[in-house]
Amino acid sequence: GGDEFCVVAQIGIRAGDQLVRSAVLALTDAGEGW
């Protein structure tokens, strides 16, 4: 809802940490002044 997202995965802890880092990058964007 709104600007909240969720990810669910049956995955190992190391792979889970990498998945979260990748998701953070996917939810990042920038442009002129924002």
All heavy atoms as atom14 arrays in JSON, in Angstrom:
{
  "sequence": "GGDEFCVVAQIGIRAGDQLVRSAVLALTDAGEGW",
  "atom14_mask": [
    [1, 1, 1, 1, 0, 0, 0, 0, 0, 0, 0, 0, 0, 0],
    [1, 1, 1, 1, 0, 0, 0, 0, 0, 0, 0, 0, 0, 0],
    [1, 1, 1, 1, 1, 1, 1, 1, 0, 0, 0, 0, 0, 0],
    [1, 1, 1, 1, 1, 1, 1, 1, 1, 0, 0, 0, 0, 0],
    [1, 1, 1, 1, 1, 1, 1, 1, 1, 1, 1, 0, 0, 0],
    [1, 1, 1, 1, 1, 1, 0, 0, 0, 0, 0, 0, 0, 0],
    [1, 1, 1, 1, 1, 1, 1, 0, 0, 0, 0, 0, 0, 0],
    [1, 1, 1, 1, 1, 1, 1, 0, 0, 0, 0, 0, 0, 0],
    [1, 1, 1, 1, 1, 0, 0, 0, 0, 0, 0, 0, 0, 0],
    [1, 1, 1, 1, 1, 1, 1, 1, 1, 0, 0, 0, 0, 0],
    [1, 1, 1, 1, 1, 1, 1, 1, 0, 0, 0, 0, 0, 0],
    [1, 1, 1, 1, 0, 0, 0, 0, 0, 0, 0, 0, 0, 0],
    [1, 1, 1, 1, 1, 1, 1, 1, 0, 0, 0, 0, 0, 0],
    [1, 1, 1, 1, 1, 1, 1, 1, 1, 1, 1, 0, 0, 0],
    [1, 1, 1, 1, 1, 0, 0, 0, 0, 0, 0, 0, 0, 0],
    [1, 1, 1, 1, 0, 0, 0, 0, 0, 0, 0, 0, 0, 0],
    [1, 1, 1, 1, 1, 1, 1, 1, 0, 0, 0, 0, 0, 0],
    [1, 1, 1, 1, 1, 1, 1, 1, 1, 0, 0, 0, 0, 0],
    [1, 1, 1, 1, 1, 1, 1, 1, 0, 0, 0, 0, 0, 0],
    [1, 1, 1, 1, 1, 1, 1, 0, 0, 0, 0, 0, 0, 0],
    [1, 1, 1, 1, 1, 1, 1, 1, 1, 1, 1, 0, 0, 0],
    [1, 1, 1, 1, 1, 1, 0, 0, 0, 0, 0, 0, 0, 0],
    [1, 1, 1, 1, 1, 0, 0, 0, 0, 0, 0, 0, 0, 0],
    [1, 1, 1, 1, 1, 1, 1, 0, 0, 0, 0, 0, 0, 0],
    [1, 1, 1, 1, 1, 1, 1, 1, 0, 0, 0, 0, 0, 0],
    [1, 1, 1, 1, 1, 0, 0, 0, 0, 0, 0, 0, 0, 0],
    [1, 1, 1, 1, 1, 1, 1, 1, 0, 0, 0, 0, 0, 0],
    [1, 1, 1, 1, 1, 1, 1, 0, 0, 0, 0, 0, 0, 0],
    [1, 1, 1, 1, 1, 1, 1, 1, 0, 0, 0, 0, 0, 0],
    [1, 1, 1, 1, 1, 0, 0, 0, 0, 0, 0, 0, 0, 0],
    [1, 1, 1, 1, 0, 0, 0, 0, 0, 0, 0, 0, 0, 0],
    [1, 1, 1, 1, 1, 1, 1, 1, 1, 0, 0, 0, 0, 0],
    [1, 1, 1, 1, 0, 0, 0, 0, 0, 0, 0, 0, 0, 0],
    [1, 1, 1, 1, 1, 1, 1, 1, 1, 1, 1, 1, 1, 1]
  ],
  "atom14_positions": [
    [[0.84, -1.18, 0.0], [0.0, 0.0, 0.0], [0.87, 1.23, 0.0], [2.01, 1.2, 0.49], [0.0, 0.0, 0.0], [0.0, 0.0, 0.0], [0.0, 0.0, 0.0], [0.0, 0.0, 0.0], [0.0, 0.0, 0.0], [0.0, 0.0, 0.0], [0.0, 0.0, 0.0], [0.0, 0.0, 0.0], [0.0, 0.0, 0.0], [0.0, 0.0, 0.0]],
    [[0.36, 2.31, -0.54], [1.12, 3.57, -0.57], [2.49, 3.36, -1.18], [2.61, 2.92, -2.32], [0.0, 0.0, 0.0], [0.0, 0.0, 0.0], [0.0, 0.0, 0.0], [0.0, 0.0, 0.0], [0.0, 0.0, 0.0], [0.0, 0.0, 0.0], [0.0, 0.0, 0.0], [0.0, 0.0, 0.0], [0.0, 0.0, 0.0], [0.0, 0.0, 0.0]],
    [[3.53, 3.67, -0.41], [4.89, 3.5, -0.91], [5.63, 2.41, -0.12], [6.84, 2.47, 0.03], [5.65, 4.82, -0.87], [5.8, 5.4, 0.53], [5.18, 4.87, 1.47], [6.55, 6.38, 0.69], [0.0, 0.0, 0.0], [0.0, 0.0, 0.0], [0.0, 0.0, 0.0], [0.0, 0.0, 0.0], [0.0, 0.0, 0.0], [0.0, 0.0, 0.0]],
    [[4.88, 1.41, 0.34], [5.47, 0.28, 1.06], [5.45, -0.98, 0.2], [4.43, -1.29, -0.42], [4.72, 0.0, 2.36], [5.03, 0.99, 3.45], [4.49, 0.53, 4.8], [3.72, -0.44, 4.87], [4.86, 1.18, 5.78], [0.0, 0.0, 0.0], [0.0, 0.0, 0.0], [0.0, 0.0, 0.0], [0.0, 0.0, 0.0], [0.0, 0.0, 0.0]],
    [[6.57, -1.66, 0.21], [6.72, -2.9, -0.54], [7.2, -3.99, 0.4], [7.73, -3.72, 1.48], [7.73, -2.71, -1.68], [7.28, -1.73, -2.72], [7.57, -0.39, -2.59], [6.57, -2.16, -3.82], [7.15, 0.52, -3.54], [6.14, -1.26, -4.78], [6.43, 0.09, -4.64], [0.0, 0.0, 0.0], [0.0, 0.0, 0.0], [0.0, 0.0, 0.0]],
    [[7.05, -5.23, -0.01], [7.46, -6.37, 0.8], [8.03, -7.43, -0.13], [7.59, -7.57, -1.28], [6.26, -6.92, 1.56], [6.67, -8.27, 2.67], [0.0, 0.0, 0.0], [0.0, 0.0, 0.0], [0.0, 0.0, 0.0], [0.0, 0.0, 0.0], [0.0, 0.0, 0.0], [0.0, 0.0, 0.0], [0.0, 0.0, 0.0], [0.0, 0.0, 0.0]],
    [[9.02, -8.15, 0.37], [9.59, -9.28, -0.36], [9.58, -10.48, 0.58], [9.93, -10.37, 1.76], [11.04, -8.98, -0.82], [11.72, -10.22, -1.36], [11.04, -7.88, -1.87], [0.0, 0.0, 0.0], [0.0, 0.0, 0.0], [0.0, 0.0, 0.0], [0.0, 0.0, 0.0], [0.0, 0.0, 0.0], [0.0, 0.0, 0.0], [0.0, 0.0, 0.0]],
    [[9.17, -11.63, 0.05], [9.15, -12.88, 0.8], [9.96, -13.9, 0.01], [9.77, -14.03, -1.21], [7.71, -13.39, 1.0], [7.69, -14.77, 1.62], [6.9, -12.41, 1.82], [0.0, 0.0, 0.0], [0.0, 0.0, 0.0], [0.0, 0.0, 0.0], [0.0, 0.0, 0.0], [0.0, 0.0, 0.0], [0.0, 0.0, 0.0], [0.0, 0.0, 0.0]],
    [[10.88, -14.58, 0.72], [11.7, -15.58, 0.04], [12.08, -16.69, 1.0], [12.4, -16.42, 2.17], [12.97, -14.92, -0.5], [0.0, 0.0, 0.0], [0.0, 0.0, 0.0], [0.0, 0.0, 0.0], [0.0, 0.0, 0.0], [0.0, 0.0, 0.0], [0.0, 0.0, 0.0], [0.0, 0.0, 0.0], [0.0, 0.0, 0.0], [0.0, 0.0, 0.0]],
    [[12.06, -17.9, 0.53], [12.56, -19.03, 1.29], [14.0, -19.21, 0.79], [14.24, -19.74, -0.29], [11.71, -20.28, 1.05], [11.79, -21.24, 2.18], [10.56, -22.11, 2.28], [9.7, -22.1, 1.42], [10.48, -22.87, 3.35], [0.0, 0.0, 0.0], [0.0, 0.0, 0.0], [0.0, 0.0, 0.0], [0.0, 0.0, 0.0], [0.0, 0.0, 0.0]],
    [[14.93, -18.7, 1.59], [16.3, -18.5, 1.12], [17.25, -18.55, 2.32], [16.83, -18.3, 3.45], [16.34, -17.13, 0.39], [17.57, -16.92, -0.44], [16.14, -15.99, 1.35], [17.44, -15.71, -1.38], [0.0, 0.0, 0.0], [0.0, 0.0, 0.0], [0.0, 0.0, 0.0], [0.0, 0.0, 0.0], [0.0, 0.0, 0.0], [0.0, 0.0, 0.0]],
    [[18.51, -18.82, 2.08], [19.5, -18.82, 3.14], [19.81, -17.4, 3.62], [19.54, -16.43, 2.91], [0.0, 0.0, 0.0], [0.0, 0.0, 0.0], [0.0, 0.0, 0.0], [0.0, 0.0, 0.0], [0.0, 0.0, 0.0], [0.0, 0.0, 0.0], [0.0, 0.0, 0.0], [0.0, 0.0, 0.0], [0.0, 0.0, 0.0], [0.0, 0.0, 0.0]],
    [[20.42, -17.28, 4.8], [20.66, -15.96, 5.39], [21.59, -15.13, 4.53], [21.33, -13.95, 4.27], [21.18, -16.11, 6.83], [20.04, -16.64, 7.72], [21.7, -14.78, 7.38], [20.41, -16.91, 9.14], [0.0, 0.0, 0.0], [0.0, 0.0, 0.0], [0.0, 0.0, 0.0], [0.0, 0.0, 0.0], [0.0, 0.0, 0.0], [0.0, 0.0, 0.0]],
    [[22.68, -15.7, 4.06], [23.63, -14.93, 3.22], [22.95, -14.47, 1.93], [23.07, -13.33, 1.54], [24.86, -15.78, 2.92], [25.87, -15.02, 2.07], [27.19, -15.75, 1.94], [27.97, -15.45, 3.15], [28.62, -16.36, 3.87], [28.58, -17.63, 3.52], [29.3, -16.01, 4.93], [0.0, 0.0, 0.0], [0.0, 0.0, 0.0], [0.0, 0.0, 0.0]],
    [[22.24, -15.38, 1.28], [21.53, -15.01, 0.05], [20.41, -14.02, 0.35], [20.11, -13.14, -0.46], [20.97, -16.26, -0.62], [0.0, 0.0, 0.0], [0.0, 0.0, 0.0], [0.0, 0.0, 0.0], [0.0, 0.0, 0.0], [0.0, 0.0, 0.0], [0.0, 0.0, 0.0], [0.0, 0.0, 0.0], [0.0, 0.0, 0.0], [0.0, 0.0, 0.0]],
    [[19.79, -14.13, 1.53], [18.75, -13.19, 1.93], [19.29, -11.79, 2.1], [18.67, -10.81, 1.68], [0.0, 0.0, 0.0], [0.0, 0.0, 0.0], [0.0, 0.0, 0.0], [0.0, 0.0, 0.0], [0.0, 0.0, 0.0], [0.0, 0.0, 0.0], [0.0, 0.0, 0.0], [0.0, 0.0, 0.0], [0.0, 0.0, 0.0], [0.0, 0.0, 0.0]],
    [[20.47, -11.67, 2.72], [21.09, -10.36, 2.87], [21.39, -9.74, 1.5], [21.16, -8.55, 1.28], [22.39, -10.47, 3.68], [22.14, -10.76, 5.15], [21.0, -10.51, 5.63], [23.07, -11.23, 5.83], [0.0, 0.0, 0.0], [0.0, 0.0, 0.0], [0.0, 0.0, 0.0], [0.0, 0.0, 0.0], [0.0, 0.0, 0.0], [0.0, 0.0, 0.0]],
    [[21.88, -10.54, 0.59], [22.16, -10.05, -0.77], [20.87, -9.66, -1.49], [20.82, -8.64, -2.17], [22.92, -11.12, -1.59], [23.23, -10.69, -3.01], [24.05, -9.41, -3.08], [25.0, -9.24, -2.34], [23.67, -8.51, -3.96], [0.0, 0.0, 0.0], [0.0, 0.0, 0.0], [0.0, 0.0, 0.0], [0.0, 0.0, 0.0], [0.0, 0.0, 0.0]],
    [[19.83, -10.45, -1.31], [18.54, -10.13, -1.92], [18.01, -8.79, -1.42], [17.52, -7.96, -2.2], [17.53, -11.24, -1.65], [16.12, -11.03, -2.2], [16.13, -11.07, -3.72], [15.17, -12.08, -1.66], [0.0, 0.0, 0.0], [0.0, 0.0, 0.0], [0.0, 0.0, 0.0], [0.0, 0.0, 0.0], [0.0, 0.0, 0.0], [0.0, 0.0, 0.0]],
    [[18.11, -8.55, -0.12], [17.65, -7.28, 0.45], [18.47, -6.12, -0.09], [17.92, -5.08, -0.46], [17.67, -7.33, 2.0], [17.46, -5.95, 2.6], [16.6, -8.29, 2.5], [0.0, 0.0, 0.0], [0.0, 0.0, 0.0], [0.0, 0.0, 0.0], [0.0, 0.0, 0.0], [0.0, 0.0, 0.0], [0.0, 0.0, 0.0], [0.0, 0.0, 0.0]],
    [[19.8, -6.27, -0.18], [20.64, -5.2, -0.75], [20.23, -4.91, -2.19], [20.14, -3.75, -2.6], [22.11, -5.57, -0.66], [22.7, -5.41, 0.73], [24.22, -5.48, 0.72], [24.75, -6.78, 0.31], [24.9, -7.83, 1.11], [24.56, -7.73, 2.38], [25.4, -8.95, 0.65], [0.0, 0.0, 0.0], [0.0, 0.0, 0.0], [0.0, 0.0, 0.0]],
    [[19.98, -5.95, -2.96], [19.55, -5.77, -4.35], [18.19, -5.09, -4.43], [17.95, -4.25, -5.3], [19.49, -7.12, -5.07], [20.76, -7.71, -5.13], [0.0, 0.0, 0.0], [0.0, 0.0, 0.0], [0.0, 0.0, 0.0], [0.0, 0.0, 0.0], [0.0, 0.0, 0.0], [0.0, 0.0, 0.0], [0.0, 0.0, 0.0], [0.0, 0.0, 0.0]],
    [[17.28, -5.46, -3.52], [15.95, -4.83, -3.49], [16.06, -3.35, -3.14], [15.35, -2.52, -3.72], [15.05, -5.56, -2.5], [0.0, 0.0, 0.0], [0.0, 0.0, 0.0], [0.0, 0.0, 0.0], [0.0, 0.0, 0.0], [0.0, 0.0, 0.0], [0.0, 0.0, 0.0], [0.0, 0.0, 0.0], [0.0, 0.0, 0.0], [0.0, 0.0, 0.0]],
    [[16.94, -3.01, -2.21], [17.14, -1.6, -1.84], [17.61, -0.81, -3.06], [17.12, 0.29, -3.33], [18.13, -1.47, -0.66], [18.59, -0.04, -0.47], [17.5, -2.0, 0.62], [0.0, 0.0, 0.0], [0.0, 0.0, 0.0], [0.0, 0.0, 0.0], [0.0, 0.0, 0.0], [0.0, 0.0, 0.0], [0.0, 0.0, 0.0], [0.0, 0.0, 0.0]],
    [[18.54, -1.38, -3.83], [19.01, -0.7, -5.04], [17.89, -0.57, -6.07], [17.79, 0.44, -6.77], [20.2, -1.45, -5.64], [21.51, -1.35, -4.87], [22.58, -2.24, -5.49], [21.99, 0.09, -4.8], [0.0, 0.0, 0.0], [0.0, 0.0, 0.0], [0.0, 0.0, 0.0], [0.0, 0.0, 0.0], [0.0, 0.0, 0.0], [0.0, 0.0, 0.0]],
    [[17.05, -1.59, -6.18], [15.94, -1.56, -7.13], [14.92, -0.48, -6.77], [14.25, 0.06, -7.64], [15.26, -2.92, -7.21], [0.0, 0.0, 0.0], [0.0, 0.0, 0.0], [0.0, 0.0, 0.0], [0.0, 0.0, 0.0], [0.0, 0.0, 0.0], [0.0, 0.0, 0.0], [0.0, 0.0, 0.0], [0.0, 0.0, 0.0], [0.0, 0.0, 0.0]],
    [[14.81, -0.18, -5.47], [13.84, 0.82, -5.01], [14.49, 2.19, -4.81], [14.0, 3.02, -4.05], [13.18, 0.34, -3.71], [12.27, -0.87, -3.86], [11.83, -1.39, -2.51], [11.06, -0.53, -4.73], [0.0, 0.0, 0.0], [0.0, 0.0, 0.0], [0.0, 0.0, 0.0], [0.0, 0.0, 0.0], [0.0, 0.0, 0.0], [0.0, 0.0, 0.0]],
    [[15.58, 2.44, -5.5], [16.31, 3.7, -5.43], [16.34, 4.33, -6.81], [16.6, 3.66, -7.8], [17.75, 3.44, -4.93], [17.68, 2.81, -3.65], [18.53, 4.72, -4.81], [0.0, 0.0, 0.0], [0.0, 0.0, 0.0], [0.0, 0.0, 0.0], [0.0, 0.0, 0.0], [0.0, 0.0, 0.0], [0.0, 0.0, 0.0], [0.0, 0.0, 0.0]],
    [[16.08, 5.62, -6.86], [16.11, 6.35, -8.13], [16.4, 7.81, -7.83], [16.17, 8.28, -6.71], [14.76, 6.22, -8.85], [14.86, 6.5, -10.34], [15.95, 6.86, -10.83], [13.83, 6.36, -11.03], [0.0, 0.0, 0.0], [0.0, 0.0, 0.0], [0.0, 0.0, 0.0], [0.0, 0.0, 0.0], [0.0, 0.0, 0.0], [0.0, 0.0, 0.0]],
    [[16.91, 8.52, -8.8], [17.22, 9.94, -8.6], [17.16, 10.66, -9.93], [17.31, 10.06, -10.99], [18.6, 10.1, -7.97], [0.0, 0.0, 0.0], [0.0, 0.0, 0.0], [0.0, 0.0, 0.0], [0.0, 0.0, 0.0], [0.0, 0.0, 0.0], [0.0, 0.0, 0.0], [0.0, 0.0, 0.0], [0.0, 0.0, 0.0], [0.0, 0.0, 0.0]],
    [[16.95, 11.94, -9.85], [16.92, 12.8, -11.02], [17.34, 14.2, -10.6], [17.8, 14.41, -9.48], [0.0, 0.0, 0.0], [0.0, 0.0, 0.0], [0.0, 0.0, 0.0], [0.0, 0.0, 0.0], [0.0, 0.0, 0.0], [0.0, 0.0, 0.0], [0.0, 0.0, 0.0], [0.0, 0.0, 0.0], [0.0, 0.0, 0.0], [0.0, 0.0, 0.0]],
    [[17.14, 15.13, -11.47], [17.53, 16.51, -11.18], [16.66, 17.08, -10.05], [15.47, 17.27, -10.21], [17.39, 17.38, -12.42], [18.03, 18.74, -12.27], [18.02, 19.53, -13.56], [18.18, 18.92, -14.63], [17.82, 20.75, -13.48], [0.0, 0.0, 0.0], [0.0, 0.0, 0.0], [0.0, 0.0, 0.0], [0.0, 0.0, 0.0], [0.0, 0.0, 0.0]],
    [[17.27, 17.3, -8.91], [16.57, 17.9, -7.78], [15.76, 16.94, -6.93], [15.03, 17.37, -6.05], [0.0, 0.0, 0.0], [0.0, 0.0, 0.0], [0.0, 0.0, 0.0], [0.0, 0.0, 0.0], [0.0, 0.0, 0.0], [0.0, 0.0, 0.0], [0.0, 0.0, 0.0], [0.0, 0.0, 0.0], [0.0, 0.0, 0.0], [0.0, 0.0, 0.0]],
    [[15.87, 15.63, -7.16], [15.11, 14.68, -6.35], [15.87, 13.36, -6.24], [16.68, 13.02, -7.09], [13.71, 14.42, -6.91], [13.71, 13.81, -8.28], [13.76, 14.46, -9.47], [13.68, 12.41, -8.59], [13.76, 13.57, -10.51], [13.71, 12.3, -9.99], [13.62, 11.26, -7.84], [13.68, 11.08, -10.66], [13.6, 10.04, -8.49], [13.62, 9.96, -9.89]]
  ]
}
